[in-house]
Amino acid sequence: PIGVLTESETPLLEVVREGAPGLPIDTIFPFMTMFAVANSA
């Protein structure tokens, strides 16, 4: 939902949580994001 996306600081993590709630991948995804943005910084 748009409201959830707007309020979240980690919008793509919300997709993983909503689309695959039974998978533990949402515990890994934030760290993948951290690697991605760390290189940018």
PDB file of all heavy atoms in Angstrom:
ATOM      1  N   PRO A   1       0.824  -1.211   0.000  1.00  0.00           N
ATOM      2  CA  PRO A   1       0.000   0.000   0.000  1.00  0.00           C
ATOM      3  C   PRO A   1       0.860   1.263   0.000  1.00  0.00           C
ATOM      4  O   PRO A   1       1.925   1.300   0.629  1.00  0.00           O
ATOM      5  CB  PRO A   1      -0.798  -0.120   1.299  1.00  0.00           C
ATOM      6  CG  PRO A   1      -0.837  -1.587   1.597  1.00  0.00           C
ATOM      7  CD  PRO A   1       0.477  -2.129   1.105  1.00  0.00           C
ATOM      8  N   ILE A   2       0.387   2.295  -0.685  1.00  0.00           N
ATOM      9  CA  ILE A   2       1.167   3.523  -0.844  1.00  0.00           C
ATOM     10  C   ILE A   2       1.500   4.146   0.512  1.00  0.00           C
ATOM     11  O   ILE A   2       2.613   4.645   0.732  1.00  0.00           O
ATOM     12  CB  ILE A   2       0.397   4.539  -1.710  1.00  0.00           C
ATOM     13  CG1 ILE A   2       0.106   3.942  -3.092  1.00  0.00           C
ATOM     14  CG2 ILE A   2       1.208   5.822  -1.858  1.00  0.00           C
ATOM     15  CD1 ILE A   2       1.339   3.548  -3.857  1.00  0.00           C
ATOM     16  N   GLY A   3       0.575   4.123   1.434  1.00  0.00           N
ATOM     17  CA  GLY A   3       0.805   4.717   2.743  1.00  0.00           C
ATOM     18  C   GLY A   3       1.974   4.077   3.470  1.00  0.00           C
ATOM     19  O   GLY A   3       2.776   4.765   4.110  1.00  0.00           O
ATOM     20  N   VAL A   4       2.079   2.757   3.351  1.00  0.00           N
ATOM     21  CA  VAL A   4       3.185   2.041   3.998  1.00  0.00           C
ATOM     22  C   VAL A   4       4.513   2.407   3.341  1.00  0.00           C
ATOM     23  O   VAL A   4       5.523   2.639   4.008  1.00  0.00           O
ATOM     24  CB  VAL A   4       2.956   0.519   3.924  1.00  0.00           C
ATOM     25  CG1 VAL A   4       4.152  -0.238   4.496  1.00  0.00           C
ATOM     26  CG2 VAL A   4       1.681   0.141   4.660  1.00  0.00           C
ATOM     27  N   LEU A   5       4.524   2.484   2.005  1.00  0.00           N
ATOM     28  CA  LEU A   5       5.740   2.836   1.277  1.00  0.00           C
ATOM     29  C   LEU A   5       6.232   4.228   1.647  1.00  0.00           C
ATOM     30  O   LEU A   5       7.421   4.464   1.842  1.00  0.00           O
ATOM     31  CB  LEU A   5       5.490   2.784  -0.237  1.00  0.00           C
ATOM     32  CG  LEU A   5       5.388   1.411  -0.898  1.00  0.00           C
ATOM     33  CD1 LEU A   5       5.067   1.563  -2.370  1.00  0.00           C
ATOM     34  CD2 LEU A   5       6.688   0.638  -0.722  1.00  0.00           C
ATOM     35  N   THR A   6       5.301   5.174   1.725  1.00  0.00           N
ATOM     36  CA  THR A   6       5.666   6.567   1.985  1.00  0.00           C
ATOM     37  C   THR A   6       6.299   6.730   3.354  1.00  0.00           C
ATOM     38  O   THR A   6       7.251   7.496   3.527  1.00  0.00           O
ATOM     39  CB  THR A   6       4.429   7.471   1.870  1.00  0.00           C
ATOM     40  OG1 THR A   6       3.828   7.279   0.585  1.00  0.00           O
ATOM     41  CG2 THR A   6       4.791   8.935   2.022  1.00  0.00           C
ATOM     42  N   GLU A   7       5.788   6.012   4.332  1.00  0.00           N
ATOM     43  CA  GLU A   7       6.271   6.171   5.701  1.00  0.00           C
ATOM     44  C   GLU A   7       7.546   5.390   5.984  1.00  0.00           C
ATOM     45  O   GLU A   7       8.274   5.692   6.928  1.00  0.00           O
ATOM     46  CB  GLU A   7       5.178   5.710   6.686  1.00  0.00           C
ATOM     47  CG  GLU A   7       3.905   6.547   6.655  1.00  0.00           C
ATOM     48  CD  GLU A   7       4.169   7.986   7.045  1.00  0.00           C
ATOM     49  OE1 GLU A   7       5.019   8.222   7.932  1.00  0.00           O
ATOM     50  OE2 GLU A   7       3.544   8.893   6.454  1.00  0.00           O
ATOM     51  N   SER A   8       7.854   4.403   5.147  1.00  0.00           N
ATOM     52  CA  SER A   8       8.978   3.514   5.429  1.00  0.00           C
ATOM     53  C   SER A   8      10.303   4.107   4.956  1.00  0.00           C
ATOM     54  O   SER A   8      10.390   4.698   3.880  1.00  0.00           O
ATOM     55  CB  SER A   8       8.765   2.160   4.751  1.00  0.00           C
ATOM     56  OG  SER A   8       9.869   1.311   4.964  1.00  0.00           O
ATOM     57  N   GLU A   9      11.355   3.950   5.782  1.00  0.00           N
ATOM     58  CA  GLU A   9      12.710   4.321   5.382  1.00  0.00           C
ATOM     59  C   GLU A   9      13.373   3.204   4.575  1.00  0.00           C
ATOM     60  O   GLU A   9      14.425   3.397   3.982  1.00  0.00           O
ATOM     61  CB  GLU A   9      13.558   4.620   6.622  1.00  0.00           C
ATOM     62  CG  GLU A   9      13.204   5.914   7.331  1.00  0.00           C
ATOM     63  CD  GLU A   9      13.603   7.139   6.531  1.00  0.00           C
ATOM     64  OE1 GLU A   9      14.505   7.031   5.684  1.00  0.00           O
ATOM     65  OE2 GLU A   9      12.999   8.205   6.743  1.00  0.00           O
ATOM     66  N   THR A  10      12.720   2.021   4.552  1.00  0.00           N
ATOM     67  CA  THR A  10      13.246   0.874   3.800  1.00  0.00           C
ATOM     68  C   THR A  10      12.129   0.313   2.919  1.00  0.00           C
ATOM     69  O   THR A  10      11.634  -0.793   3.158  1.00  0.00           O
ATOM     70  CB  THR A  10      13.765  -0.208   4.757  1.00  0.00           C
ATOM     71  OG1 THR A  10      12.705  -0.571   5.672  1.00  0.00           O
ATOM     72  CG2 THR A  10      14.958   0.300   5.557  1.00  0.00           C
ATOM     73  N   PRO A  11      11.716   1.065   1.880  1.00  0.00           N
ATOM     74  CA  PRO A  11      10.531   0.674   1.099  1.00  0.00           C
ATOM     75  C   PRO A  11      10.658  -0.670   0.388  1.00  0.00           C
ATOM     76  O   PRO A  11       9.677  -1.417   0.311  1.00  0.00           O
ATOM     77  CB  PRO A  11      10.382   1.823   0.087  1.00  0.00           C
ATOM     78  CG  PRO A  11      11.728   2.457   0.027  1.00  0.00           C
ATOM     79  CD  PRO A  11      12.309   2.319   1.382  1.00  0.00           C
ATOM     80  N   LEU A  12      11.833  -1.005  -0.124  1.00  0.00           N
ATOM     81  CA  LEU A  12      11.958  -2.274  -0.841  1.00  0.00           C
ATOM     82  C   LEU A  12      11.913  -3.468   0.103  1.00  0.00           C
ATOM     83  O   LEU A  12      11.499  -4.560  -0.293  1.00  0.00           O
ATOM     84  CB  LEU A  12      13.254  -2.286  -1.658  1.00  0.00           C
ATOM     85  CG  LEU A  12      13.390  -1.188  -2.729  1.00  0.00           C
ATOM     86  CD1 LEU A  12      14.572  -1.487  -3.641  1.00  0.00           C
ATOM     87  CD2 LEU A  12      12.117  -1.038  -3.534  1.00  0.00           C
ATOM     88  N   LEU A  13      12.325  -3.257   1.332  1.00  0.00           N
ATOM     89  CA  LEU A  13      12.190  -4.314   2.333  1.00  0.00           C
ATOM     90  C   LEU A  13      10.717  -4.628   2.576  1.00  0.00           C
ATOM     91  O   LEU A  13      10.350  -5.789   2.812  1.00  0.00           O
ATOM     92  CB  LEU A  13      12.873  -3.905   3.631  1.00  0.00           C
ATOM     93  CG  LEU A  13      12.766  -4.882   4.811  1.00  0.00           C
ATOM     94  CD1 LEU A  13      13.323  -6.242   4.430  1.00  0.00           C
ATOM     95  CD2 LEU A  13      13.496  -4.318   6.022  1.00  0.00           C
ATOM     96  N   GLU A  14       9.857  -3.623   2.494  1.00  0.00           N
ATOM     97  CA  GLU A  14       8.418  -3.836   2.670  1.00  0.00           C
ATOM     98  C   GLU A  14       7.865  -4.754   1.582  1.00  0.00           C
ATOM     99  O   GLU A  14       6.955  -5.557   1.835  1.00  0.00           O
ATOM    100  CB  GLU A  14       7.672  -2.493   2.649  1.00  0.00           C
ATOM    101  CG  GLU A  14       8.131  -1.480   3.681  1.00  0.00           C
ATOM    102  CD  GLU A  14       7.951  -1.959   5.101  1.00  0.00           C
ATOM    103  OE1 GLU A  14       7.083  -2.813   5.335  1.00  0.00           O
ATOM    104  OE2 GLU A  14       8.700  -1.484   5.982  1.00  0.00           O
ATOM    105  N   VAL A  15       8.419  -4.650   0.367  1.00  0.00           N
ATOM    106  CA  VAL A  15       7.977  -5.524  -0.727  1.00  0.00           C
ATOM    107  C   VAL A  15       8.297  -6.976  -0.396  1.00  0.00           C
ATOM    108  O   VAL A  15       7.469  -7.884  -0.584  1.00  0.00           O
ATOM    109  CB  VAL A  15       8.652  -5.119  -2.054  1.00  0.00           C
ATOM    110  CG1 VAL A  15       8.222  -6.069  -3.180  1.00  0.00           C
ATOM    111  CG2 VAL A  15       8.304  -3.686  -2.411  1.00  0.00           C
ATOM    112  N   VAL A  16       9.505  -7.221   0.089  1.00  0.00           N
ATOM    113  CA  VAL A  16       9.911  -8.582   0.438  1.00  0.00           C
ATOM    114  C   VAL A  16       9.044  -9.131   1.565  1.00  0.00           C
ATOM    115  O   VAL A  16       8.625 -10.298   1.543  1.00  0.00           O
ATOM    116  CB  VAL A  16      11.403  -8.608   0.834  1.00  0.00           C
ATOM    117  CG1 VAL A  16      11.834 -10.011   1.236  1.00  0.00           C
ATOM    118  CG2 VAL A  16      12.267  -8.098  -0.313  1.00  0.00           C
ATOM    119  N   ARG A  17       8.747  -8.290   2.542  1.00  0.00           N
ATOM    120  CA  ARG A  17       7.918  -8.726   3.665  1.00  0.00           C
ATOM    121  C   ARG A  17       6.489  -9.044   3.227  1.00  0.00           C
ATOM    122  O   ARG A  17       5.901 -10.035   3.659  1.00  0.00           O
ATOM    123  CB  ARG A  17       7.892  -7.645   4.740  1.00  0.00           C
ATOM    124  CG  ARG A  17       9.189  -7.531   5.525  1.00  0.00           C
ATOM    125  CD  ARG A  17       9.165  -6.323   6.432  1.00  0.00           C
ATOM    126  NE  ARG A  17      10.353  -6.264   7.296  1.00  0.00           N
ATOM    127  CZ  ARG A  17      10.733  -5.185   7.962  1.00  0.00           C
ATOM    128  NH1 ARG A  17      10.021  -4.060   7.871  1.00  0.00           N
ATOM    129  NH2 ARG A  17      11.811  -5.221   8.712  1.00  0.00           N
ATOM    130  N   GLU A  18       5.928  -8.198   2.371  1.00  0.00           N
ATOM    131  CA  GLU A  18       4.547  -8.397   1.922  1.00  0.00           C
ATOM    132  C   GLU A  18       4.432  -9.540   0.924  1.00  0.00           C
ATOM    133  O   GLU A  18       3.486 -10.318   0.953  1.00  0.00           O
ATOM    134  CB  GLU A  18       4.023  -7.106   1.279  1.00  0.00           C
ATOM    135  CG  GLU A  18       3.812  -5.956   2.234  1.00  0.00           C
ATOM    136  CD  GLU A  18       2.565  -6.129   3.075  1.00  0.00           C
ATOM    137  OE1 GLU A  18       1.655  -6.866   2.648  1.00  0.00           O
ATOM    138  OE2 GLU A  18       2.511  -5.534   4.168  1.00  0.00           O
ATOM    139  N   GLY A  19       5.411  -9.633   0.007  1.00  0.00           N
ATOM    140  CA  GLY A  19       5.311 -10.610  -1.074  1.00  0.00           C
ATOM    141  C   GLY A  19       5.710 -12.013  -0.687  1.00  0.00           C
ATOM    142  O   GLY A  19       5.244 -12.984  -1.284  1.00  0.00           O
ATOM    143  N   ALA A  20       6.594 -12.138   0.306  1.00  0.00           N
ATOM    144  CA  ALA A  20       7.052 -13.474   0.722  1.00  0.00           C
ATOM    145  C   ALA A  20       7.175 -13.531   2.229  1.00  0.00           C
ATOM    146  O   ALA A  20       8.286 -13.674   2.772  1.00  0.00           O
ATOM    147  CB  ALA A  20       8.385 -13.792   0.047  1.00  0.00           C
ATOM    148  N   PRO A  21       6.052 -13.429   2.936  1.00  0.00           N
ATOM    149  CA  PRO A  21       6.104 -13.382   4.403  1.00  0.00           C
ATOM    150  C   PRO A  21       6.634 -14.659   5.033  1.00  0.00           C
ATOM    151  O   PRO A  21       7.129 -14.639   6.157  1.00  0.00           O
ATOM    152  CB  PRO A  21       4.641 -13.144   4.798  1.00  0.00           C
ATOM    153  CG  PRO A  21       3.849 -13.664   3.640  1.00  0.00           C
ATOM    154  CD  PRO A  21       4.672 -13.379   2.427  1.00  0.00           C
ATOM    155  N   GLY A  22       6.542 -15.787   4.313  1.00  0.00           N
ATOM    156  CA  GLY A  22       7.002 -17.047   4.878  1.00  0.00           C
ATOM    157  C   GLY A  22       8.495 -17.271   4.745  1.00  0.00           C
ATOM    158  O   GLY A  22       9.040 -18.208   5.326  1.00  0.00           O
ATOM    159  N   LEU A  23       9.150 -16.441   3.967  1.00  0.00           N
ATOM    160  CA  LEU A  23      10.585 -16.605   3.755  1.00  0.00           C
ATOM    161  C   LEU A  23      11.377 -15.726   4.724  1.00  0.00           C
ATOM    162  O   LEU A  23      10.984 -14.594   5.001  1.00  0.00           O
ATOM    163  CB  LEU A  23      10.957 -16.234   2.311  1.00  0.00           C
ATOM    164  CG  LEU A  23      10.367 -17.109   1.206  1.00  0.00           C
ATOM    165  CD1 LEU A  23      10.787 -16.573  -0.163  1.00  0.00           C
ATOM    166  CD2 LEU A  23      10.834 -18.555   1.353  1.00  0.00           C
ATOM    167  N   PRO A  24      12.498 -16.228   5.219  1.00  0.00           N
ATOM    168  CA  PRO A  24      13.321 -15.426   6.143  1.00  0.00           C
ATOM    169  C   PRO A  24      14.218 -14.430   5.406  1.00  0.00           C
ATOM    170  O   PRO A  24      15.112 -13.845   6.011  1.00  0.00           O
ATOM    171  CB  PRO A  24      14.153 -16.493   6.851  1.00  0.00           C
ATOM    172  CG  PRO A  24      14.315 -17.574   5.835  1.00  0.00           C
ATOM    173  CD  PRO A  24      13.026 -17.599   5.058  1.00  0.00           C
ATOM    174  N   ILE A  25      13.986 -14.242   4.095  1.00  0.00           N
ATOM    175  CA  ILE A  25      14.867 -13.398   3.301  1.00  0.00           C
ATOM    176  C   ILE A  25      14.851 -11.955   3.763  1.00  0.00           C
ATOM    177  O   ILE A  25      15.800 -11.206   3.537  1.00  0.00           O
ATOM    178  CB  ILE A  25      14.459 -13.495   1.805  1.00  0.00           C
ATOM    179  CG1 ILE A  25      15.587 -12.964   0.901  1.00  0.00           C
ATOM    180  CG2 ILE A  25      13.176 -12.736   1.542  1.00  0.00           C
ATOM    181  CD1 ILE A  25      16.813 -13.781   0.915  1.00  0.00           C
ATOM    182  N   ASP A  26      13.754 -11.552   4.441  1.00  0.00           N
ATOM    183  CA  ASP A  26      13.683 -10.155   4.879  1.00  0.00           C
ATOM    184  C   ASP A  26      14.717  -9.844   5.955  1.00  0.00           C
ATOM    185  O   ASP A  26      15.008  -8.675   6.223  1.00  0.00           O
ATOM    186  CB  ASP A  26      12.280  -9.801   5.371  1.00  0.00           C
ATOM    187  CG  ASP A  26      11.925 -10.518   6.658  1.00  0.00           C
ATOM    188  OD1 ASP A  26      12.249 -11.711   6.751  1.00  0.00           O
ATOM    189  OD2 ASP A  26      11.328  -9.879   7.551  1.00  0.00           O
ATOM    190  N   THR A  27      15.298 -10.891   6.539  1.00  0.00           N
ATOM    191  CA  THR A  27      16.369 -10.649   7.516  1.00  0.00           C
ATOM    192  C   THR A  27      17.711 -10.416   6.823  1.00  0.00           C
ATOM    193  O   THR A  27      18.631  -9.847   7.411  1.00  0.00           O
ATOM    194  CB  THR A  27      16.511 -11.849   8.470  1.00  0.00           C
ATOM    195  OG1 THR A  27      16.841 -13.018   7.721  1.00  0.00           O
ATOM    196  CG2 THR A  27      15.207 -12.091   9.215  1.00  0.00           C
ATOM    197  N   ILE A  28      17.823 -10.873   5.583  1.00  0.00           N
ATOM    198  CA  ILE A  28      19.059 -10.707   4.814  1.00  0.00           C
ATOM    199  C   ILE A  28      19.027  -9.433   3.982  1.00  0.00           C
ATOM    200  O   ILE A  28      20.046  -8.761   3.811  1.00  0.00           O
ATOM    201  CB  ILE A  28      19.298 -11.935   3.901  1.00  0.00           C
ATOM    202  CG1 ILE A  28      19.369 -13.215   4.732  1.00  0.00           C
ATOM    203  CG2 ILE A  28      20.550 -11.764   3.061  1.00  0.00           C
ATOM    204  CD1 ILE A  28      19.439 -14.470   3.895  1.00  0.00           C
ATOM    205  N   PHE A  29      17.848  -9.077   3.469  1.00  0.00           N
ATOM    206  CA  PHE A  29      17.735  -7.986   2.516  1.00  0.00           C
ATOM    207  C   PHE A  29      18.281  -6.654   3.044  1.00  0.00           C
ATOM    208  O   PHE A  29      18.951  -5.924   2.292  1.00  0.00           O
ATOM    209  CB  PHE A  29      16.278  -7.826   2.076  1.00  0.00           C
ATOM    210  CG  PHE A  29      16.100  -6.867   0.933  1.00  0.00           C
ATOM    211  CD1 PHE A  29      16.371  -7.259  -0.366  1.00  0.00           C
ATOM    212  CD2 PHE A  29      15.685  -5.556   1.159  1.00  0.00           C
ATOM    213  CE1 PHE A  29      16.222  -6.372  -1.412  1.00  0.00           C
ATOM    214  CE2 PHE A  29      15.531  -4.672   0.118  1.00  0.00           C
ATOM    215  CZ  PHE A  29      15.802  -5.088  -1.173  1.00  0.00           C
ATOM    216  N   PRO A  30      18.016  -6.261   4.306  1.00  0.00           N
ATOM    217  CA  PRO A  30      18.583  -4.987   4.777  1.00  0.00           C
ATOM    218  C   PRO A  30      20.100  -4.930   4.671  1.00  0.00           C
ATOM    219  O   PRO A  30      20.668  -3.879   4.382  1.00  0.00           O
ATOM    220  CB  PRO A  30      18.134  -4.923   6.243  1.00  0.00           C
ATOM    221  CG  PRO A  30      16.911  -5.769   6.304  1.00  0.00           C
ATOM    222  CD  PRO A  30      17.166  -6.886   5.331  1.00  0.00           C
ATOM    223  N   PHE A  31      20.752  -6.077   4.882  1.00  0.00           N
ATOM    224  CA  PHE A  31      22.206  -6.095   4.809  1.00  0.00           C
ATOM    225  C   PHE A  31      22.695  -6.021   3.370  1.00  0.00           C
ATOM    226  O   PHE A  31      23.755  -5.444   3.087  1.00  0.00           O
ATOM    227  CB  PHE A  31      22.743  -7.342   5.520  1.00  0.00           C
ATOM    228  CG  PHE A  31      22.386  -7.388   6.974  1.00  0.00           C
ATOM    229  CD1 PHE A  31      21.305  -8.131   7.426  1.00  0.00           C
ATOM    230  CD2 PHE A  31      23.121  -6.644   7.897  1.00  0.00           C
ATOM    231  CE1 PHE A  31      20.961  -8.160   8.765  1.00  0.00           C
ATOM    232  CE2 PHE A  31      22.784  -6.669   9.241  1.00  0.00           C
ATOM    233  CZ  PHE A  31      21.699  -7.415   9.682  1.00  0.00           C
ATOM    234  N   MET A  32      21.907  -6.578   2.431  1.00  0.00           N
ATOM    235  CA  MET A  32      22.223  -6.414   1.017  1.00  0.00           C
ATOM    236  C   MET A  32      22.128  -4.942   0.632  1.00  0.00           C
ATOM    237  O   MET A  32      22.976  -4.413  -0.106  1.00  0.00           O
ATOM    238  CB  MET A  32      21.268  -7.255   0.164  1.00  0.00           C
ATOM    239  CG  MET A  32      21.369  -8.749   0.389  1.00  0.00           C
ATOM    240  SD  MET A  32      20.146  -9.697  -0.556  1.00  0.00           S
ATOM    241  CE  MET A  32      20.720  -9.447  -2.226  1.00  0.00           C
ATOM    242  N   THR A  33      21.105  -4.280   1.138  1.00  0.00           N
ATOM    243  CA  THR A  33      20.941  -2.847   0.885  1.00  0.00           C
ATOM    244  C   THR A  33      22.110  -2.062   1.458  1.00  0.00           C
ATOM    245  O   THR A  33      22.607  -1.116   0.832  1.00  0.00           O
ATOM    246  CB  THR A  33      19.626  -2.346   1.498  1.00  0.00           C
ATOM    247  OG1 THR A  33      18.536  -3.122   0.992  1.00  0.00           O
ATOM    248  CG2 THR A  33      19.392  -0.883   1.169  1.00  0.00           C
ATOM    249  N   MET A  34      22.539  -2.445   2.644  1.00  0.00           N
ATOM    250  CA  MET A  34      23.662  -1.743   3.276  1.00  0.00           C
ATOM    251  C   MET A  34      24.926  -1.827   2.425  1.00  0.00           C
ATOM    252  O   MET A  34      25.655  -0.844   2.273  1.00  0.00           O
ATOM    253  CB  MET A  34      23.912  -2.322   4.670  1.00  0.00           C
ATOM    254  CG  MET A  34      22.864  -1.919   5.704  1.00  0.00           C
ATOM    255  SD  MET A  34      22.864  -3.011   7.156  1.00  0.00           S
ATOM    256  CE  MET A  34      24.573  -2.876   7.693  1.00  0.00           C
ATOM    257  N   PHE A  35      25.192  -2.999   1.842  1.00  0.00           N
ATOM    258  CA  PHE A  35      26.348  -3.133   0.964  1.00  0.00           C
ATOM    259  C   PHE A  35      26.212  -2.225  -0.247  1.00  0.00           C
ATOM    260  O   PHE A  35      27.186  -1.589  -0.688  1.00  0.00           O
ATOM    261  CB  PHE A  35      26.494  -4.587   0.490  1.00  0.00           C
ATOM    262  CG  PHE A  35      27.286  -5.454   1.425  1.00  0.00           C
ATOM    263  CD1 PHE A  35      26.664  -6.395   2.222  1.00  0.00           C
ATOM    264  CD2 PHE A  35      28.668  -5.320   1.494  1.00  0.00           C
ATOM    265  CE1 PHE A  35      27.401  -7.202   3.078  1.00  0.00           C
ATOM    266  CE2 PHE A  35      29.411  -6.119   2.351  1.00  0.00           C
ATOM    267  CZ  PHE A  35      28.780  -7.064   3.144  1.00  0.00           C
ATOM    268  N   ALA A  36      25.001  -2.168  -0.783  1.00  0.00           N
ATOM    269  CA  ALA A  36      24.769  -1.370  -1.982  1.00  0.00           C
ATOM    270  C   ALA A  36      25.031   0.110  -1.732  1.00  0.00           C
ATOM    271  O   ALA A  36      25.706   0.781  -2.521  1.00  0.00           O
ATOM    272  CB  ALA A  36      23.340  -1.573  -2.483  1.00  0.00           C
ATOM    273  N   VAL A  37      24.501   0.646  -0.632  1.00  0.00           N
ATOM    274  CA  VAL A  37      24.631   2.081  -0.388  1.00  0.00           C
ATOM    275  C   VAL A  37      25.988   2.432   0.226  1.00  0.00           C
ATOM    276  O   VAL A  37      26.452   3.576   0.107  1.00  0.00           O
ATOM    277  CB  VAL A  37      23.485   2.604   0.504  1.00  0.00           C
ATOM    278  CG1 VAL A  37      22.144   2.331  -0.158  1.00  0.00           C
ATOM    279  CG2 VAL A  37      23.534   2.010   1.899  1.00  0.00           C
ATOM    280  N   ALA A  38      26.632   1.462   0.884  1.00  0.00           N
ATOM    281  CA  ALA A  38      27.949   1.734   1.464  1.00  0.00           C
ATOM    282  C   ALA A  38      28.951   2.066   0.371  1.00  0.00           C
ATOM    283  O   ALA A  38      29.779   2.975   0.525  1.00  0.00           O
ATOM    284  CB  ALA A  38      28.424   0.530   2.275  1.00  0.00           C
ATOM    285  N   ASN A  39      28.894   1.338  -0.734  1.00  0.00           N
ATOM    286  CA  ASN A  39      29.792   1.620  -1.850  1.00  0.00           C
ATOM    287  C   ASN A  39      29.561   3.028  -2.379  1.00  0.00           C
ATOM    288  O   ASN A  39      30.502   3.760  -2.703  1.00  0.00           O
ATOM    289  CB  ASN A  39      29.567   0.593  -2.960  1.00  0.00           C
ATOM    290  CG  ASN A  39      30.570   0.748  -4.080  1.00  0.00           C
ATOM    291  OD1 ASN A  39      31.755   0.950  -3.852  1.00  0.00           O
ATOM    292  ND2 ASN A  39      30.106   0.667  -5.309  1.00  0.00           N
ATOM    293  N   SER A  40      28.294   3.434  -2.461  1.00  0.00           N
ATOM    294  CA  SER A  40      27.957   4.778  -2.937  1.00  0.00           C
ATOM    295  C   SER A  40      28.555   5.843  -2.032  1.00  0.00           C
ATOM    296  O   SER A  40      29.137   6.831  -2.499  1.00  0.00           O
ATOM    297  CB  SER A  40      26.432   4.938  -3.016  1.00  0.00           C
ATOM    298  OG  SER A  40      26.084   6.250  -3.396  1.00  0.00           O
ATOM    299  N   ALA A  41      28.427   5.654  -0.718  1.00  0.00           N
ATOM    300  CA  ALA A  41      28.968   6.633   0.229  1.00  0.00           C
ATOM    301  C   ALA A  41      30.484   6.707   0.136  1.00  0.00           C
ATOM    302  O   ALA A  41      31.067   7.796   0.127  1.00  0.00           O
ATOM    303  CB  ALA A  41      28.550   6.258   1.652  1.00  0.00           C
TER     304      ALA A  41
END
